[in-house]
Amino acid sequence: MYADDRARALVSVKSQLSNAFRSYAAEFGIVGAAGRQNVNALIQRVLEDESLPELALELFRFQAKEYAAVEARLEEIEARLMKWHRENEASRRIATIPGIEPIGATLFSMKAPPAESFRSGRDFAAWIGLTPRDHSTGGRMRHGGITKTGDAALRSVLIVGATALLRHIRAGRHKPTNWLAALLERKPPKLVAVALANKFARIAWRLMVSGGICSRPSDSVAA
């Protein structure tokens, strides 16, 4: 898992560099559009601004060079991970779950224990930490937040994927099943994302155990 750990460290460094560049540029009255996709456009604007003092431009050039080096390294790691994904059957299956991108599926296939280690998809979801804590007492059933046991990176992949699918549903690009529509009416978005991530975990377990793919968006959110 060196490639994945290295990629996450580089993403953090990239964010720090972009935030620092934005901050310094703002001190000279140059503000760019928000979003990671707009960082390079801001860098280009700053480096082409002839009104800036030469020393400031020199420092901006140094920051830009650091940022470009991190981007290049990330692209190299992503290419390696994509190669793994294309060659790994389990990863390709998991990537068919709506919201789970190939890089996330690659991480999942690398880090998850053999699916046969678990009796059911429910046990697998519990291992990842996507089941609620049980605070039941005196015959009353009360559930708290998720346990967050298991692997935080895998849990993050599933929750991010669930959040992405919910975003598509809100935009009208996907239609929710009755189960998900009812949940969206009763629960806050974050809780719905966790419930959907739990379902994704069970689907991933089934795909790893018995094969097949998640052929339609509704497959992943069926009751």
Protein backbone atom coordinates (compact mmCIF):
# COMPACT_ATOMS: atom_id res chain seq x y z
CA MET A 1 0.00 0.00 0.00
CA TYR A 2 2.97 2.31 -0.36
CA ALA A 3 1.53 3.88 -3.54
CA ASP A 4 -1.78 4.73 -1.85
CA ASP A 5 -0.15 6.11 1.30
CA ARG A 6 2.26 8.15 -0.80
CA ALA A 7 -0.59 9.49 -2.94
CA ARG A 8 -2.55 10.63 0.11
CA ALA A 9 0.53 12.37 1.51
CA LEU A 10 1.12 14.11 -1.82
CA VAL A 11 -2.52 15.21 -2.05
CA SER A 12 -2.11 16.83 1.36
CA VAL A 13 1.09 18.58 0.24
CA LYS A 14 -0.61 19.71 -2.97
CA SER A 15 -3.48 21.25 -0.98
CA GLN A 16 -1.05 23.04 1.30
CA LEU A 17 0.90 24.43 -1.66
CA SER A 18 -2.24 25.60 -3.48
CA ASN A 19 -3.59 27.27 -0.33
CA ALA A 20 -0.28 29.01 0.27
CA PHE A 21 -0.10 30.21 -3.34
CA ARG A 22 -3.67 31.54 -3.17
CA SER A 23 -2.91 33.33 0.09
CA TYR A 24 0.25 35.02 -1.22
CA ALA A 25 -1.44 35.95 -4.51
CA ALA A 26 -4.33 37.54 -2.59
CA GLU A 27 -1.85 39.74 -0.76
CA PHE A 28 -1.06 41.29 -4.15
CA GLY A 29 -4.74 41.63 -5.03
CA ILE A 30 -4.86 38.59 -7.32
CA VAL A 31 -7.77 36.27 -6.51
CA GLY A 32 -8.63 33.15 -8.47
CA ALA A 33 -11.77 31.06 -8.73
CA ALA A 34 -12.27 28.49 -6.01
CA GLY A 35 -11.60 24.82 -6.67
CA ARG A 36 -8.57 22.65 -7.28
CA GLN A 37 -9.23 22.71 -11.01
CA ASN A 38 -8.58 26.46 -11.06
CA VAL A 39 -5.18 26.51 -9.32
CA ASN A 40 -3.12 26.23 -12.49
CA ALA A 41 -5.04 29.09 -14.11
CA LEU A 42 -4.27 31.28 -11.08
CA ILE A 43 -0.60 30.30 -11.21
CA GLN A 44 -0.46 31.26 -14.89
CA ARG A 45 -2.08 34.65 -14.18
CA VAL A 46 0.36 35.42 -11.41
CA LEU A 47 3.45 34.42 -13.37
CA GLU A 48 2.37 36.58 -16.32
CA ASP A 49 1.67 39.65 -14.16
CA GLU A 50 4.50 42.05 -15.02
CA SER A 51 3.36 44.55 -12.39
CA LEU A 52 4.57 42.31 -9.55
CA PRO A 53 7.96 43.01 -7.94
CA GLU A 54 10.73 40.79 -9.28
CA LEU A 55 11.40 39.24 -5.86
CA ALA A 56 7.70 38.33 -5.52
CA LEU A 57 7.71 36.79 -8.98
CA GLU A 58 10.80 34.77 -8.10
CA LEU A 59 9.07 33.36 -5.02
CA PHE A 60 5.91 32.63 -7.00
CA ARG A 61 7.98 30.79 -9.63
CA PHE A 62 9.53 28.66 -6.89
CA GLN A 63 6.08 27.77 -5.50
CA ALA A 64 4.78 27.02 -8.97
CA LYS A 65 7.69 24.67 -9.62
CA GLU A 66 6.99 22.80 -6.36
CA TYR A 67 3.30 22.52 -7.21
CA ALA A 68 4.04 21.17 -10.70
CA ALA A 69 6.45 18.57 -9.28
CA VAL A 70 3.81 17.28 -6.86
CA GLU A 71 1.21 17.15 -9.64
CA ALA A 72 3.57 15.15 -11.86
CA ARG A 73 4.29 12.67 -9.06
CA LEU A 74 0.57 12.25 -8.37
CA GLU A 75 -0.10 11.58 -12.05
CA GLU A 76 2.61 8.91 -12.02
CA ILE A 77 1.10 7.20 -8.96
CA GLU A 78 -2.41 7.43 -10.41
CA ALA A 79 -1.19 5.76 -13.60
CA ARG A 80 0.25 2.89 -11.54
CA LEU A 81 -2.99 2.50 -9.59
CA MET A 82 -5.04 2.54 -12.80
CA LYS A 83 -2.81 -0.20 -14.23
CA TRP A 84 -3.53 -2.30 -11.12
CA HIS A 85 -7.24 -1.58 -11.51
CA ARG A 86 -7.35 -2.71 -15.14
CA GLU A 87 -5.56 -5.94 -14.28
CA ASN A 88 -7.55 -6.78 -11.12
CA GLU A 89 -10.96 -8.42 -11.55
CA ALA A 90 -12.26 -7.54 -8.07
CA SER A 91 -11.32 -3.89 -8.53
CA ARG A 92 -13.14 -3.71 -11.86
CA ARG A 93 -16.26 -5.22 -10.27
CA ILE A 94 -16.24 -2.81 -7.33
CA ALA A 95 -15.85 0.15 -9.68
CA THR A 96 -19.28 -0.68 -11.16
CA ILE A 97 -20.91 0.45 -7.90
CA PRO A 98 -22.22 3.99 -8.58
CA GLY A 99 -20.04 6.61 -6.93
CA ILE A 100 -17.03 4.31 -6.51
CA GLU A 101 -14.36 5.51 -8.92
CA PRO A 102 -11.55 3.24 -10.23
CA ILE A 103 -8.98 4.69 -7.80
CA GLY A 104 -11.32 4.03 -4.87
CA ALA A 105 -12.03 0.54 -6.16
CA THR A 106 -8.29 -0.09 -6.44
CA LEU A 107 -7.77 0.95 -2.83
CA PHE A 108 -10.65 -1.28 -1.80
CA SER A 109 -9.33 -4.34 -3.63
CA MET A 110 -5.84 -3.81 -2.19
CA LYS A 111 -6.76 -3.26 1.44
CA ALA A 112 -9.88 -5.33 2.08
CA PRO A 113 -9.33 -8.81 3.59
CA PRO A 114 -10.52 -11.80 1.53
CA ALA A 115 -14.31 -11.62 1.29
CA GLU A 116 -14.52 -15.25 2.39
CA SER A 117 -13.24 -14.13 5.80
CA PHE A 118 -16.72 -12.75 6.55
CA ARG A 119 -19.95 -14.70 6.93
CA SER A 120 -22.04 -11.99 5.31
CA GLY A 121 -22.00 -8.53 3.82
CA ARG A 122 -23.37 -7.25 7.12
CA ASP A 123 -20.29 -8.58 8.93
CA PHE A 124 -18.08 -6.99 6.29
CA ALA A 125 -19.77 -3.60 6.75
CA ALA A 126 -19.36 -3.97 10.52
CA TRP A 127 -15.64 -4.67 10.09
CA ILE A 128 -15.25 -1.45 8.08
CA GLY A 129 -17.02 0.45 10.87
CA LEU A 130 -20.24 1.35 9.07
CA THR A 131 -22.67 -0.03 11.63
CA PRO A 132 -24.14 2.08 14.47
CA ARG A 133 -23.03 1.68 18.06
CA ASP A 134 -25.64 -0.06 20.19
CA HIS A 135 -26.63 1.90 23.31
CA SER A 136 -29.75 -0.14 24.05
CA THR A 137 -30.74 -0.42 27.71
CA GLY A 138 -33.79 -1.67 29.56
CA GLY A 139 -35.40 -3.11 26.45
CA ARG A 140 -35.16 0.18 24.55
CA MET A 141 -33.28 0.10 21.24
CA ARG A 142 -30.98 3.10 20.82
CA HIS A 143 -28.25 3.44 18.20
CA GLY A 144 -25.49 6.00 18.21
CA GLY A 145 -22.95 6.98 15.57
CA ILE A 146 -21.04 4.43 13.52
CA THR A 147 -18.32 2.48 15.29
CA LYS A 148 -15.51 3.66 12.96
CA THR A 149 -13.59 0.46 13.55
CA GLY A 150 -11.69 -1.18 10.71
CA ASP A 151 -9.93 0.74 7.97
CA ALA A 152 -10.61 4.48 7.83
CA ALA A 153 -9.50 4.74 4.19
CA LEU A 154 -12.00 2.09 3.04
CA ARG A 155 -14.76 3.70 5.07
CA SER A 156 -13.92 7.04 3.46
CA VAL A 157 -14.06 5.54 -0.06
CA LEU A 158 -17.58 4.24 0.55
CA ILE A 159 -18.90 7.39 2.23
CA VAL A 160 -17.43 9.63 -0.47
CA GLY A 161 -18.97 7.37 -3.11
CA ALA A 162 -22.36 7.46 -1.39
CA THR A 163 -22.18 11.25 -1.09
CA ALA A 164 -21.37 11.51 -4.80
CA LEU A 165 -24.39 9.37 -5.73
CA LEU A 166 -26.67 11.45 -3.51
CA ARG A 167 -25.36 14.58 -5.23
CA HIS A 168 -26.33 13.07 -8.62
CA ILE A 169 -29.77 12.21 -7.26
CA ARG A 170 -30.33 15.77 -6.04
CA ALA A 171 -29.27 17.04 -9.47
CA GLY A 172 -31.83 14.74 -11.11
CA ARG A 173 -29.28 12.53 -12.89
CA HIS A 174 -30.31 9.40 -10.96
CA LYS A 175 -33.66 8.31 -9.56
CA PRO A 176 -33.61 6.92 -5.99
CA THR A 177 -35.32 3.67 -5.07
CA ASN A 178 -38.28 3.81 -2.70
CA TRP A 179 -35.96 2.80 0.16
CA LEU A 180 -33.56 5.64 -0.49
CA ALA A 181 -36.28 8.20 -1.21
CA ALA A 182 -37.97 7.39 2.11
CA LEU A 183 -34.65 7.64 3.92
CA LEU A 184 -33.94 11.04 2.37
CA GLU A 185 -37.29 12.29 3.64
CA ARG A 186 -36.67 11.16 7.21
CA LYS A 187 -32.93 11.53 7.82
CA PRO A 188 -30.26 14.22 7.45
CA PRO A 189 -28.02 13.90 4.35
CA LYS A 190 -24.97 12.77 6.32
CA LEU A 191 -26.85 9.90 7.95
CA VAL A 192 -28.27 8.87 4.59
CA ALA A 193 -24.76 8.84 3.11
CA VAL A 194 -23.56 6.52 5.90
CA ALA A 195 -26.55 4.20 5.43
CA LEU A 196 -25.88 4.11 1.69
CA ALA A 197 -22.17 3.48 2.31
CA ASN A 198 -23.16 0.52 4.50
CA LYS A 199 -25.20 -0.85 1.60
CA PHE A 200 -22.27 -0.27 -0.76
CA ALA A 201 -20.05 -2.33 1.57
CA ARG A 202 -22.49 -5.23 1.44
CA ILE A 203 -22.71 -4.99 -2.35
CA ALA A 204 -18.91 -4.93 -2.62
CA TRP A 205 -18.72 -8.06 -0.46
CA ARG A 206 -21.27 -9.81 -2.67
CA LEU A 207 -19.39 -8.86 -5.84
CA MET A 208 -16.11 -10.12 -4.40
CA VAL A 209 -17.65 -13.40 -3.24
CA SER A 210 -19.91 -14.34 -6.12
CA GLY A 211 -18.71 -12.22 -9.02
CA GLY A 212 -20.86 -10.17 -11.32
CA ILE A 213 -21.18 -6.41 -11.60
CA CYS A 214 -23.48 -3.68 -10.35
CA SER A 215 -25.06 -3.03 -13.74
CA ARG A 216 -27.45 -0.18 -12.89
CA PRO A 217 -27.44 2.71 -10.41
CA SER A 218 -30.57 1.28 -8.80
CA ASP A 219 -28.76 -2.00 -8.08
CA SER A 220 -26.68 -0.26 -5.45
CA VAL A 221 -29.60 1.30 -3.60
CA ALA A 222 -32.12 -1.49 -3.68
CA ALA A 223 -33.86 -2.16 -0.38
